[in-house]
Amino acid sequence: MTAIELLFFVIRICISLGICVVMWSVQPLLGAIMGMVHFLAFPKLVTILAERFGDKPIGKPTCSNGCCHNDDYEWTRSENGIPICKCNCGTEYATDGRQFLKIGSTGHKEPYMVWFKKRGWVKEESKVD
């Protein structure tokens, strides 16, 4: 667990306990339910807010075959400071800022997806080498 994950976990527990204690005075069962709902929903809320308002992409897009998602990629190496990952299908991709580049069989990089703050991952059509 990294320091930021530990910090979010402590904040999550404190807020959930606070909700539970405040709501307990109104109705004990409601307090327990609201505290548990907040504890379980907090990570998803943080992810949604970071995706919506953050500048950097969170996760990786679906692969070009349409079957691999964020957790199906494995970081394999770094090339000139650009991290390279491979999906379960065997296709390699490079991440360069907001761009997700597909690496062809010859080794050239072609644009695949680009991250936009409001729209998320969107297909990119121009060529890059």
Protein backbone atom coordinates (compact mmCIF):
# COMPACT_ATOMS: atom_id res chain seq x y z
CA MET A 1 0.00 0.00 0.00
CA THR A 2 1.43 3.37 -1.02
CA ALA A 3 1.29 6.49 1.14
CA ILE A 4 -1.52 8.07 -0.90
CA GLU A 5 -3.58 4.86 -0.70
CA LEU A 6 -3.07 4.77 3.07
CA LEU A 7 -4.09 8.43 3.33
CA PHE A 8 -7.28 7.84 1.33
CA PHE A 9 -8.07 4.76 3.42
CA VAL A 10 -7.70 6.74 6.68
CA ILE A 11 -9.83 9.59 5.29
CA ARG A 12 -12.41 7.04 4.14
CA ILE A 13 -12.63 5.44 7.59
CA CYS A 14 -12.83 8.81 9.40
CA ILE A 15 -15.60 10.17 7.17
CA SER A 16 -17.55 6.90 7.34
CA LEU A 17 -17.30 6.80 11.14
CA GLY A 18 -18.32 10.47 11.32
CA ILE A 19 -21.41 9.82 9.20
CA CYS A 20 -22.19 6.76 11.29
CA VAL A 21 -21.93 8.67 14.60
CA VAL A 22 -23.96 11.65 13.40
CA MET A 23 -26.69 9.51 11.86
CA TRP A 24 -26.70 7.16 14.89
CA SER A 25 -28.28 9.93 16.97
CA VAL A 26 -31.11 10.20 14.43
CA GLN A 27 -31.66 6.49 13.86
CA PRO A 28 -29.12 3.76 14.77
CA LEU A 29 -29.91 1.51 11.83
CA LEU A 30 -29.78 4.43 9.40
CA GLY A 31 -26.40 5.45 10.83
CA ALA A 32 -24.94 2.00 10.32
CA ILE A 33 -26.30 1.75 6.77
CA MET A 34 -25.13 5.25 5.75
CA GLY A 35 -21.64 4.63 7.19
CA MET A 36 -21.27 1.33 5.31
CA VAL A 37 -22.61 2.78 2.05
CA HIS A 38 -20.14 5.66 2.24
CA PHE A 39 -17.24 3.33 3.09
CA LEU A 40 -18.00 1.13 0.08
CA ALA A 41 -18.82 3.94 -2.38
CA PHE A 42 -15.94 6.31 -1.52
CA PRO A 43 -13.31 4.78 -3.90
CA LYS A 44 -15.73 4.83 -6.83
CA LEU A 45 -16.66 8.46 -6.08
CA VAL A 46 -12.98 9.49 -6.00
CA THR A 47 -12.37 7.68 -9.30
CA ILE A 48 -15.37 9.34 -10.97
CA LEU A 49 -14.28 12.80 -9.78
CA ALA A 50 -10.67 12.25 -10.86
CA GLU A 51 -11.75 11.04 -14.31
CA ARG A 52 -14.17 13.90 -14.72
CA PHE A 53 -11.99 16.75 -13.50
CA GLY A 54 -8.43 15.37 -13.70
CA ASP A 55 -5.96 16.21 -16.45
CA LYS A 56 -4.25 12.84 -16.57
CA PRO A 57 -5.90 9.66 -17.82
CA ILE A 58 -6.90 7.03 -15.31
CA GLY A 59 -6.58 3.48 -16.54
CA LYS A 60 -6.12 2.32 -20.08
CA PRO A 61 -8.67 2.09 -22.91
CA THR A 62 -10.09 -1.11 -24.37
CA CYS A 63 -7.58 -2.76 -26.70
CA SER A 64 -7.93 -2.57 -30.48
CA ASN A 65 -9.45 -6.08 -30.54
CA GLY A 66 -12.13 -4.94 -28.08
CA CYS A 67 -11.60 -7.69 -25.50
CA CYS A 68 -8.93 -6.41 -23.05
CA HIS A 69 -9.67 -3.71 -20.46
CA ASN A 70 -7.65 -1.71 -17.91
CA ASP A 71 -6.63 -4.68 -15.73
CA ASP A 72 -5.67 -6.86 -18.71
CA TYR A 73 -2.52 -4.87 -19.58
CA GLU A 74 0.96 -5.73 -18.32
CA TRP A 75 3.82 -3.21 -18.33
CA THR A 76 6.69 -4.85 -20.18
CA ARG A 77 9.44 -2.29 -20.76
CA SER A 78 10.33 1.35 -21.32
CA GLU A 79 11.64 2.72 -24.61
CA ASN A 80 13.22 6.21 -24.63
CA GLY A 81 11.34 7.04 -21.43
CA ILE A 82 7.98 5.96 -22.86
CA PRO A 83 6.39 3.04 -20.98
CA ILE A 84 5.28 0.09 -23.12
CA CYS A 85 2.53 -2.35 -22.13
CA LYS A 86 1.04 -5.47 -23.67
CA CYS A 87 -2.58 -6.62 -23.52
CA ASN A 88 -3.69 -10.24 -23.13
CA CYS A 89 -4.18 -10.42 -26.92
CA GLY A 90 -0.44 -9.79 -27.39
CA THR A 91 -0.71 -6.30 -28.91
CA GLU A 92 1.79 -3.76 -27.59
CA TYR A 93 0.91 -0.17 -26.73
CA ALA A 94 2.89 2.88 -25.63
CA THR A 95 1.64 5.72 -23.46
CA ASP A 96 2.88 9.19 -24.27
CA GLY A 97 1.12 11.83 -22.17
CA ARG A 98 -2.56 11.75 -23.11
CA GLN A 99 -1.94 9.49 -26.13
CA PHE A 100 -2.23 5.71 -26.20
CA LEU A 101 -0.20 4.52 -29.19
CA LYS A 102 -0.46 1.11 -30.84
CA ILE A 103 2.88 -0.44 -31.76
CA GLY A 104 2.74 -2.25 -35.10
CA SER A 105 4.59 -5.46 -35.99
CA THR A 106 7.37 -3.41 -37.60
CA GLY A 107 7.82 -1.35 -34.42
CA HIS A 108 6.32 1.94 -35.63
CA LYS A 109 3.87 3.71 -33.36
CA GLU A 110 0.48 4.72 -34.68
CA PRO A 111 -2.11 6.73 -32.74
CA TYR A 112 -4.88 4.63 -31.26
CA MET A 113 -6.66 6.63 -28.53
CA VAL A 114 -6.32 10.03 -26.90
CA TRP A 115 -7.60 11.12 -23.47
CA PHE A 116 -9.92 14.12 -23.12
CA LYS A 117 -10.96 15.49 -19.77
CA LYS A 118 -14.70 15.52 -20.46
CA ARG A 119 -15.05 12.66 -22.96
CA GLY A 120 -12.49 10.11 -21.71
CA TRP A 121 -10.71 7.87 -24.26
CA VAL A 122 -11.52 8.72 -27.90
CA LYS A 123 -10.12 7.13 -31.09
CA GLU A 124 -7.42 9.19 -32.78
CA GLU A 125 -6.98 9.08 -36.56
CA SER A 126 -3.73 10.95 -37.38
CA LYS A 127 -0.37 9.16 -37.91
CA VAL A 128 2.65 9.57 -35.58
CA ASP A 129 6.14 7.97 -35.85
